[in-house]
Amino acid sequence: MEQGTIERDIHVDASPEVVFEVVSQPEHMREWWPDDARFEPVAGAPGELVWRNADTGETTTVALAVVEVDPPKRFSFRWCFTEPERSGPALLVTFDLTPSGTGTQIRMTETGFRQMGWEIAVLEAQYQFHENGWDHYLPRLGGYVARLVATP
């Protein structure tokens, strides 16, 4: 099994400008992915994503660093750093947005798994965890965009 890149495509019935806001603005991102997101959508900006466990109330905070902001075409960030202070190897998440009819084709790509330095068992587990995560969250992105554009 290849554990180097995760790619997912989803089509939404909204303009690339709307979709760009949804994938690059913390107030929108927290509606479909993390419980909280704190960052400025500016290349080089540091930030955090926070998930809360509904059963235990515990939180998991993951550092991120914005890499590229190219409205309304691309937004990318690094996360899951191996070292403190956002250094060392990290995974790269990229959202590429392409106009498609009256909507937008979103391609989410996550790369860097093999560069993390994990033992094979950890690599396989992390890759599967991220695959399952994107399979859960990307449909939520589509649902959120649909609700957003349906709101008068």
N, C-alpha and C. Protein backbone atom coordinates (compact mmCIF):
# COMPACT_ATOMS: atom_id res chain seq x y z
N MET A 1 0.84 -1.19 0.00
CA MET A 1 0.00 0.00 0.00
C MET A 1 0.88 1.25 0.00
N GLU A 2 0.56 2.19 -0.85
CA GLU A 2 1.29 3.46 -0.94
C GLU A 2 0.83 4.40 0.16
N GLN A 3 1.78 4.88 0.97
CA GLN A 3 1.43 5.82 2.02
C GLN A 3 2.16 7.14 1.84
N GLY A 4 2.15 7.65 0.63
CA GLY A 4 2.84 8.90 0.39
C GLY A 4 1.93 10.09 0.22
N THR A 5 0.78 9.87 -0.41
CA THR A 5 -0.12 10.97 -0.74
C THR A 5 -1.57 10.54 -0.59
N ILE A 6 -2.36 11.41 -0.01
CA ILE A 6 -3.81 11.23 0.02
C ILE A 6 -4.40 12.29 -0.89
N GLU A 7 -5.25 11.88 -1.82
CA GLU A 7 -5.94 12.82 -2.70
C GLU A 7 -7.43 12.54 -2.63
N ARG A 8 -8.19 13.61 -2.53
CA ARG A 8 -9.64 13.50 -2.54
C ARG A 8 -10.18 14.63 -3.41
N ASP A 9 -11.20 14.31 -4.21
CA ASP A 9 -11.87 15.30 -5.04
C ASP A 9 -13.32 15.39 -4.63
N ILE A 10 -13.83 16.61 -4.63
CA ILE A 10 -15.24 16.83 -4.33
C ILE A 10 -15.70 18.01 -5.17
N HIS A 11 -16.91 17.92 -5.68
CA HIS A 11 -17.49 19.03 -6.44
C HIS A 11 -18.55 19.69 -5.57
N VAL A 12 -18.55 21.02 -5.55
CA VAL A 12 -19.56 21.77 -4.81
C VAL A 12 -20.19 22.80 -5.72
N ASP A 13 -21.45 23.10 -5.46
CA ASP A 13 -22.17 24.08 -6.27
C ASP A 13 -22.02 25.46 -5.66
N ALA A 14 -20.82 25.99 -5.77
CA ALA A 14 -20.51 27.34 -5.31
C ALA A 14 -19.29 27.82 -6.08
N SER A 15 -19.13 29.11 -6.14
CA SER A 15 -18.01 29.69 -6.89
C SER A 15 -16.68 29.41 -6.18
N PRO A 16 -15.57 29.42 -6.91
CA PRO A 16 -14.27 29.27 -6.27
C PRO A 16 -14.03 30.33 -5.19
N GLU A 17 -14.56 31.52 -5.36
CA GLU A 17 -14.38 32.57 -4.35
C GLU A 17 -15.02 32.17 -3.03
N VAL A 18 -16.23 31.62 -3.08
CA VAL A 18 -16.91 31.17 -1.86
C VAL A 18 -16.16 29.99 -1.25
N VAL A 19 -15.78 29.03 -2.08
CA VAL A 19 -15.08 27.85 -1.58
C VAL A 19 -13.73 28.23 -0.98
N PHE A 20 -13.04 29.17 -1.59
CA PHE A 20 -11.76 29.61 -1.04
C PHE A 20 -11.94 30.13 0.38
N GLU A 21 -12.98 30.91 0.60
CA GLU A 21 -13.25 31.42 1.95
C GLU A 21 -13.48 30.27 2.92
N VAL A 22 -14.20 29.25 2.48
CA VAL A 22 -14.55 28.12 3.35
C VAL A 22 -13.32 27.30 3.74
N VAL A 23 -12.34 27.17 2.85
CA VAL A 23 -11.15 26.37 3.17
C VAL A 23 -10.02 27.19 3.77
N SER A 24 -10.13 28.53 3.73
CA SER A 24 -8.99 29.34 4.19
C SER A 24 -9.29 30.28 5.35
N GLN A 25 -10.52 30.38 5.76
CA GLN A 25 -10.89 31.28 6.86
C GLN A 25 -11.26 30.46 8.10
N PRO A 26 -10.64 30.74 9.24
CA PRO A 26 -10.91 29.95 10.45
C PRO A 26 -12.39 29.88 10.82
N GLU A 27 -13.11 30.98 10.68
CA GLU A 27 -14.53 30.97 11.07
C GLU A 27 -15.36 30.02 10.21
N HIS A 28 -14.94 29.79 8.97
CA HIS A 28 -15.62 28.82 8.12
C HIS A 28 -15.07 27.42 8.35
N MET A 29 -13.76 27.31 8.47
CA MET A 29 -13.13 26.00 8.64
C MET A 29 -13.69 25.26 9.86
N ARG A 30 -13.91 25.99 10.95
CA ARG A 30 -14.40 25.32 12.17
C ARG A 30 -15.82 24.81 12.02
N GLU A 31 -16.51 25.18 10.96
CA GLU A 31 -17.86 24.69 10.71
C GLU A 31 -17.88 23.30 10.08
N TRP A 32 -16.74 22.88 9.51
CA TRP A 32 -16.74 21.58 8.84
C TRP A 32 -15.58 20.68 9.25
N TRP A 33 -14.55 21.23 9.93
CA TRP A 33 -13.39 20.39 10.23
C TRP A 33 -13.04 20.41 11.71
N PRO A 34 -12.17 21.30 12.18
CA PRO A 34 -11.83 21.25 13.60
C PRO A 34 -12.90 21.95 14.44
N ASP A 35 -12.84 21.72 15.74
CA ASP A 35 -13.75 22.43 16.64
C ASP A 35 -13.35 23.89 16.76
N ASP A 36 -12.07 24.17 16.60
CA ASP A 36 -11.60 25.55 16.60
C ASP A 36 -10.40 25.65 15.66
N ALA A 37 -10.26 26.81 15.05
CA ALA A 37 -9.13 27.08 14.15
C ALA A 37 -8.69 28.51 14.43
N ARG A 38 -7.38 28.66 14.62
CA ARG A 38 -6.83 29.98 14.92
C ARG A 38 -5.61 30.21 14.03
N PHE A 39 -5.76 31.08 13.03
CA PHE A 39 -4.65 31.45 12.16
C PHE A 39 -5.10 32.61 11.29
N GLU A 40 -4.14 33.31 10.75
CA GLU A 40 -4.39 34.33 9.74
C GLU A 40 -4.10 33.68 8.38
N PRO A 41 -4.99 33.84 7.41
CA PRO A 41 -4.74 33.25 6.10
C PRO A 41 -3.73 34.05 5.29
N VAL A 42 -2.50 34.05 5.80
CA VAL A 42 -1.39 34.79 5.20
C VAL A 42 -0.20 33.83 5.14
N ALA A 43 0.46 33.74 4.01
CA ALA A 43 1.62 32.85 3.88
C ALA A 43 2.61 33.13 5.00
N GLY A 44 3.04 32.06 5.66
CA GLY A 44 4.00 32.16 6.75
C GLY A 44 3.38 32.29 8.13
N ALA A 45 2.08 32.53 8.19
CA ALA A 45 1.43 32.72 9.49
C ALA A 45 1.34 31.41 10.27
N PRO A 46 1.63 31.45 11.58
CA PRO A 46 1.44 30.28 12.42
C PRO A 46 -0.02 30.18 12.85
N GLY A 47 -0.40 29.00 13.30
CA GLY A 47 -1.76 28.82 13.78
C GLY A 47 -1.94 27.50 14.48
N GLU A 48 -3.19 27.23 14.83
CA GLU A 48 -3.54 25.99 15.53
C GLU A 48 -4.91 25.51 15.08
N LEU A 49 -5.05 24.20 15.09
CA LEU A 49 -6.33 23.54 14.92
C LEU A 49 -6.60 22.77 16.20
N VAL A 50 -7.85 22.81 16.67
CA VAL A 50 -8.19 22.18 17.94
C VAL A 50 -9.40 21.27 17.76
N TRP A 51 -9.29 20.04 18.25
CA TRP A 51 -10.40 19.10 18.28
C TRP A 51 -10.74 18.78 19.73
N ARG A 52 -12.03 18.69 20.04
CA ARG A 52 -12.50 18.31 21.37
C ARG A 52 -13.13 16.93 21.30
N ASN A 53 -12.77 16.07 22.24
CA ASN A 53 -13.39 14.76 22.36
C ASN A 53 -14.71 14.94 23.09
N ALA A 54 -15.82 14.67 22.42
CA ALA A 54 -17.14 14.87 23.01
C ALA A 54 -17.36 14.00 24.24
N ASP A 55 -16.72 12.83 24.29
CA ASP A 55 -16.92 11.92 25.42
C ASP A 55 -16.13 12.34 26.65
N THR A 56 -14.88 12.76 26.44
CA THR A 56 -14.01 13.05 27.58
C THR A 56 -13.84 14.54 27.85
N GLY A 57 -14.14 15.37 26.85
CA GLY A 57 -13.92 16.81 26.99
C GLY A 57 -12.48 17.22 26.75
N GLU A 58 -11.59 16.24 26.55
CA GLU A 58 -10.18 16.54 26.30
C GLU A 58 -10.02 17.17 24.91
N THR A 59 -9.00 18.01 24.79
CA THR A 59 -8.73 18.65 23.50
C THR A 59 -7.38 18.20 22.95
N THR A 60 -7.29 18.21 21.64
CA THR A 60 -6.04 17.96 20.93
C THR A 60 -5.77 19.19 20.08
N THR A 61 -4.62 19.79 20.29
CA THR A 61 -4.23 20.98 19.53
C THR A 61 -3.06 20.63 18.62
N VAL A 62 -3.20 20.98 17.36
CA VAL A 62 -2.17 20.69 16.36
C VAL A 62 -1.71 22.01 15.75
N ALA A 63 -0.40 22.24 15.79
CA ALA A 63 0.17 23.45 15.20
C ALA A 63 0.11 23.38 13.68
N LEU A 64 -0.06 24.53 13.06
CA LEU A 64 0.01 24.61 11.61
C LEU A 64 0.78 25.86 11.22
N ALA A 65 1.18 25.89 9.98
CA ALA A 65 1.82 27.07 9.40
C ALA A 65 1.28 27.23 7.98
N VAL A 66 0.70 28.38 7.69
CA VAL A 66 0.16 28.64 6.36
C VAL A 66 1.32 28.71 5.37
N VAL A 67 1.17 28.02 4.24
CA VAL A 67 2.22 27.97 3.22
C VAL A 67 1.88 28.86 2.03
N GLU A 68 0.70 28.67 1.45
CA GLU A 68 0.35 29.40 0.23
C GLU A 68 -1.09 29.87 0.29
N VAL A 69 -1.30 31.13 -0.08
CA VAL A 69 -2.63 31.73 -0.14
C VAL A 69 -2.73 32.39 -1.52
N ASP A 70 -3.48 31.76 -2.42
CA ASP A 70 -3.62 32.25 -3.79
C ASP A 70 -5.10 32.26 -4.16
N PRO A 71 -5.85 33.27 -3.68
CA PRO A 71 -7.29 33.30 -3.92
C PRO A 71 -7.60 33.49 -5.40
N PRO A 72 -8.63 32.87 -5.92
CA PRO A 72 -9.43 31.81 -5.32
C PRO A 72 -9.02 30.43 -5.81
N LYS A 73 -7.71 30.21 -5.97
CA LYS A 73 -7.23 28.97 -6.58
C LYS A 73 -6.64 27.96 -5.62
N ARG A 74 -5.88 28.43 -4.63
CA ARG A 74 -5.13 27.48 -3.79
C ARG A 74 -4.92 28.02 -2.39
N PHE A 75 -5.06 27.08 -1.44
CA PHE A 75 -4.72 27.37 -0.04
C PHE A 75 -4.00 26.14 0.48
N SER A 76 -2.85 26.35 1.14
CA SER A 76 -2.11 25.20 1.68
C SER A 76 -1.48 25.56 3.01
N PHE A 77 -1.26 24.51 3.80
CA PHE A 77 -0.62 24.67 5.10
C PHE A 77 0.12 23.40 5.48
N ARG A 78 1.09 23.56 6.36
CA ARG A 78 1.80 22.41 6.94
C ARG A 78 1.25 22.21 8.34
N TRP A 79 1.20 20.93 8.74
CA TRP A 79 0.74 20.60 10.09
C TRP A 79 1.34 19.27 10.52
N CYS A 80 1.10 18.88 11.76
CA CYS A 80 1.64 17.63 12.32
C CYS A 80 3.17 17.67 12.32
N PHE A 81 3.73 18.78 12.74
CA PHE A 81 5.19 18.92 12.80
C PHE A 81 5.79 17.89 13.74
N THR A 82 7.00 17.42 13.42
CA THR A 82 7.68 16.45 14.27
C THR A 82 8.44 17.11 15.40
N GLU A 83 8.67 18.41 15.29
CA GLU A 83 9.44 19.15 16.29
C GLU A 83 8.62 20.33 16.82
N PRO A 84 8.93 20.78 18.04
CA PRO A 84 8.23 21.97 18.55
C PRO A 84 8.54 23.20 17.70
N GLU A 85 7.76 24.21 17.90
CA GLU A 85 7.96 25.50 17.22
C GLU A 85 7.82 25.39 15.71
N ARG A 86 6.97 24.48 15.26
CA ARG A 86 6.69 24.33 13.83
C ARG A 86 7.94 24.12 12.99
N SER A 87 8.79 23.21 13.46
CA SER A 87 9.99 22.89 12.70
C SER A 87 10.03 21.39 12.46
N GLY A 88 11.01 20.97 11.69
CA GLY A 88 11.13 19.56 11.34
C GLY A 88 10.12 19.19 10.27
N PRO A 89 10.11 17.93 9.90
CA PRO A 89 9.17 17.47 8.87
C PRO A 89 7.71 17.72 9.31
N ALA A 90 6.86 17.92 8.32
CA ALA A 90 5.43 18.14 8.56
C ALA A 90 4.65 17.71 7.33
N LEU A 91 3.39 17.42 7.53
CA LEU A 91 2.52 17.09 6.42
C LEU A 91 2.07 18.38 5.74
N LEU A 92 1.85 18.30 4.43
CA LEU A 92 1.39 19.45 3.66
C LEU A 92 0.00 19.16 3.12
N VAL A 93 -0.95 20.04 3.45
CA VAL A 93 -2.32 19.93 2.95
C VAL A 93 -2.54 21.07 1.96
N THR A 94 -3.03 20.72 0.77
CA THR A 94 -3.29 21.71 -0.27
C THR A 94 -4.72 21.55 -0.78
N PHE A 95 -5.42 22.66 -0.87
CA PHE A 95 -6.73 22.70 -1.49
C PHE A 95 -6.58 23.45 -2.81
N ASP A 96 -6.75 22.74 -3.93
CA ASP A 96 -6.73 23.35 -5.24
C ASP A 96 -8.17 23.47 -5.72
N LEU A 97 -8.55 24.66 -6.16
CA LEU A 97 -9.93 24.95 -6.56
C LEU A 97 -9.97 25.29 -8.04
N THR A 98 -10.84 24.59 -8.78
CA THR A 98 -10.96 24.79 -10.22
C THR A 98 -12.43 25.03 -10.56
N PRO A 99 -12.73 26.12 -11.28
CA PRO A 99 -14.12 26.33 -11.71
C PRO A 99 -14.59 25.14 -12.53
N SER A 100 -15.84 24.73 -12.31
CA SER A 100 -16.40 23.59 -13.03
C SER A 100 -17.90 23.84 -13.21
N GLY A 101 -18.28 24.23 -14.42
CA GLY A 101 -19.69 24.59 -14.65
C GLY A 101 -20.06 25.77 -13.77
N THR A 102 -21.12 25.61 -13.00
CA THR A 102 -21.54 26.68 -12.08
C THR A 102 -20.96 26.47 -10.69
N GLY A 103 -20.08 25.49 -10.55
CA GLY A 103 -19.52 25.18 -9.23
C GLY A 103 -18.01 25.17 -9.23
N THR A 104 -17.48 24.40 -8.28
CA THR A 104 -16.04 24.32 -8.09
C THR A 104 -15.63 22.88 -7.83
N GLN A 105 -14.58 22.45 -8.48
CA GLN A 105 -13.96 21.16 -8.20
C GLN A 105 -12.86 21.42 -7.17
N ILE A 106 -12.93 20.73 -6.05
CA ILE A 106 -11.93 20.85 -4.99
C ILE A 106 -11.08 19.60 -5.01
N ARG A 107 -9.77 19.78 -5.08
CA ARG A 107 -8.85 18.66 -4.91
C ARG A 107 -8.05 18.93 -3.64
N MET A 108 -8.24 18.05 -2.66
CA MET A 108 -7.46 18.12 -1.43
C MET A 108 -6.35 17.10 -1.55
N THR A 109 -5.13 17.54 -1.30
CA THR A 109 -3.97 16.65 -1.34
C THR A 109 -3.22 16.80 -0.03
N GLU A 110 -2.88 15.67 0.57
CA GLU A 110 -2.04 15.68 1.77
C GLU A 110 -0.82 14.84 1.47
N THR A 111 0.36 15.44 1.63
CA THR A 111 1.61 14.76 1.30
C THR A 111 2.59 14.86 2.46
N GLY A 112 3.66 14.07 2.35
CA GLY A 112 4.75 14.16 3.32
C GLY A 112 4.81 13.03 4.31
N PHE A 113 3.96 12.04 4.19
CA PHE A 113 3.91 10.96 5.17
C PHE A 113 5.25 10.23 5.27
N ARG A 114 5.83 9.91 4.13
CA ARG A 114 7.09 9.15 4.16
C ARG A 114 8.27 9.97 4.66
N GLN A 115 8.15 11.30 4.63
CA GLN A 115 9.23 12.16 5.09
C GLN A 115 9.18 12.42 6.60
N MET A 116 8.16 11.91 7.27
CA MET A 116 7.99 12.20 8.70
C MET A 116 8.98 11.46 9.59
N GLY A 117 9.61 10.41 9.06
CA GLY A 117 10.58 9.66 9.86
C GLY A 117 9.94 8.64 10.79
N TRP A 118 8.67 8.34 10.56
CA TRP A 118 7.97 7.37 11.40
C TRP A 118 8.39 5.95 11.05
N GLU A 119 8.36 5.07 12.04
CA GLU A 119 8.51 3.64 11.79
C GLU A 119 7.32 3.20 10.95
N ILE A 120 7.46 2.10 10.22
CA ILE A 120 6.43 1.69 9.26
C ILE A 120 5.06 1.50 9.92
N ALA A 121 5.01 0.94 11.12
CA ALA A 121 3.72 0.73 11.78
C ALA A 121 3.05 2.06 12.10
N VAL A 122 3.83 3.04 12.53
CA VAL A 122 3.29 4.37 12.83
C VAL A 122 2.86 5.05 11.53
N LEU A 123 3.68 4.95 10.50
CA LEU A 123 3.33 5.52 9.20
C LEU A 123 2.00 4.96 8.71
N GLU A 124 1.86 3.64 8.74
CA GLU A 124 0.62 3.02 8.27
C GLU A 124 -0.57 3.47 9.09
N ALA A 125 -0.42 3.54 10.41
CA ALA A 125 -1.52 3.96 11.29
C ALA A 125 -1.89 5.42 11.04
N GLN A 126 -0.89 6.30 10.93
CA GLN A 126 -1.17 7.72 10.70
C GLN A 126 -1.80 7.94 9.33
N TYR A 127 -1.31 7.25 8.32
CA TYR A 127 -1.87 7.38 6.99
C TYR A 127 -3.34 6.97 7.00
N GLN A 128 -3.64 5.84 7.62
CA GLN A 128 -5.03 5.35 7.69
C GLN A 128 -5.90 6.33 8.48
N PHE A 129 -5.38 6.87 9.57
CA PHE A 129 -6.10 7.84 10.39
C PHE A 129 -6.45 9.08 9.57
N HIS A 130 -5.50 9.57 8.80
CA HIS A 130 -5.73 10.75 7.97
C HIS A 130 -6.68 10.45 6.82
N GLU A 131 -6.52 9.28 6.21
CA GLU A 131 -7.45 8.88 5.14
C GLU A 131 -8.88 8.86 5.65
N ASN A 132 -9.08 8.21 6.80
CA ASN A 132 -10.41 8.14 7.39
C ASN A 132 -10.92 9.53 7.75
N GLY A 133 -10.03 10.37 8.26
CA GLY A 133 -10.42 11.73 8.61
C GLY A 133 -10.91 12.52 7.42
N TRP A 134 -10.16 12.49 6.32
CA TRP A 134 -10.59 13.23 5.13
C TRP A 134 -11.88 12.65 4.56
N ASP A 135 -12.04 11.33 4.63
CA ASP A 135 -13.28 10.72 4.15
C ASP A 135 -14.47 11.18 4.97
N HIS A 136 -14.25 11.52 6.22
CA HIS A 136 -15.31 12.03 7.10
C HIS A 136 -15.54 13.53 6.89
N TYR A 137 -14.45 14.30 6.85
CA TYR A 137 -14.58 15.76 6.88
C TYR A 137 -14.87 16.40 5.52
N LEU A 138 -14.37 15.86 4.43
CA LEU A 138 -14.63 16.50 3.14
C LEU A 138 -16.11 16.51 2.76
N PRO A 139 -16.87 15.46 3.01
CA PRO A 139 -18.32 15.57 2.77
C PRO A 139 -18.96 16.66 3.65
N ARG A 140 -18.43 16.84 4.85
CA ARG A 140 -18.94 17.92 5.71
C ARG A 140 -18.64 19.28 5.09
N LEU A 141 -17.46 19.42 4.45
CA LEU A 141 -17.14 20.65 3.74
C LEU A 141 -18.20 20.91 2.67
N GLY A 142 -18.52 19.88 1.88
CA GLY A 142 -19.54 20.03 0.84
C GLY A 142 -20.89 20.41 1.41
N GLY A 143 -21.27 19.79 2.50
CA GLY A 143 -22.55 20.11 3.15
C GLY A 143 -22.58 21.53 3.68
N TYR A 144 -21.47 21.96 4.26
CA TYR A 144 -21.40 23.32 4.78
C TYR A 144 -21.49 24.34 3.65
N VAL A 145 -20.79 24.12 2.55
CA VAL A 145 -20.87 25.03 1.40
C VAL A 145 -22.30 25.10 0.90
N ALA A 146 -22.98 23.95 0.81
CA ALA A 146 -24.38 23.93 0.33
C ALA A 146 -25.27 24.77 1.25
N ARG A 147 -25.10 24.62 2.56
CA ARG A 147 -25.90 25.41 3.51
C ARG A 147 -25.55 26.90 3.40
N LEU A 148 -24.27 27.19 3.22
CA LEU A 148 -23.82 28.58 3.16
C LEU A 148 -24.42 29.31 1.95
N VAL A 149 -24.37 28.66 0.78
CA VAL A 149 -24.89 29.34 -0.42
C VAL A 149 -26.41 29.32 -0.47
N ALA A 150 -27.05 28.45 0.30
CA ALA A 150 -28.53 28.41 0.33
C ALA A 150 -29.08 29.48 1.27
N THR A 151 -28.24 30.01 2.17
CA THR A 151 -28.68 31.03 3.11
C THR A 151 -28.86 32.36 2.38
N PRO A 152 -30.06 32.96 2.50
CA PRO A 152 -30.28 34.23 1.78
C PRO A 152 -29.43 35.37 2.30
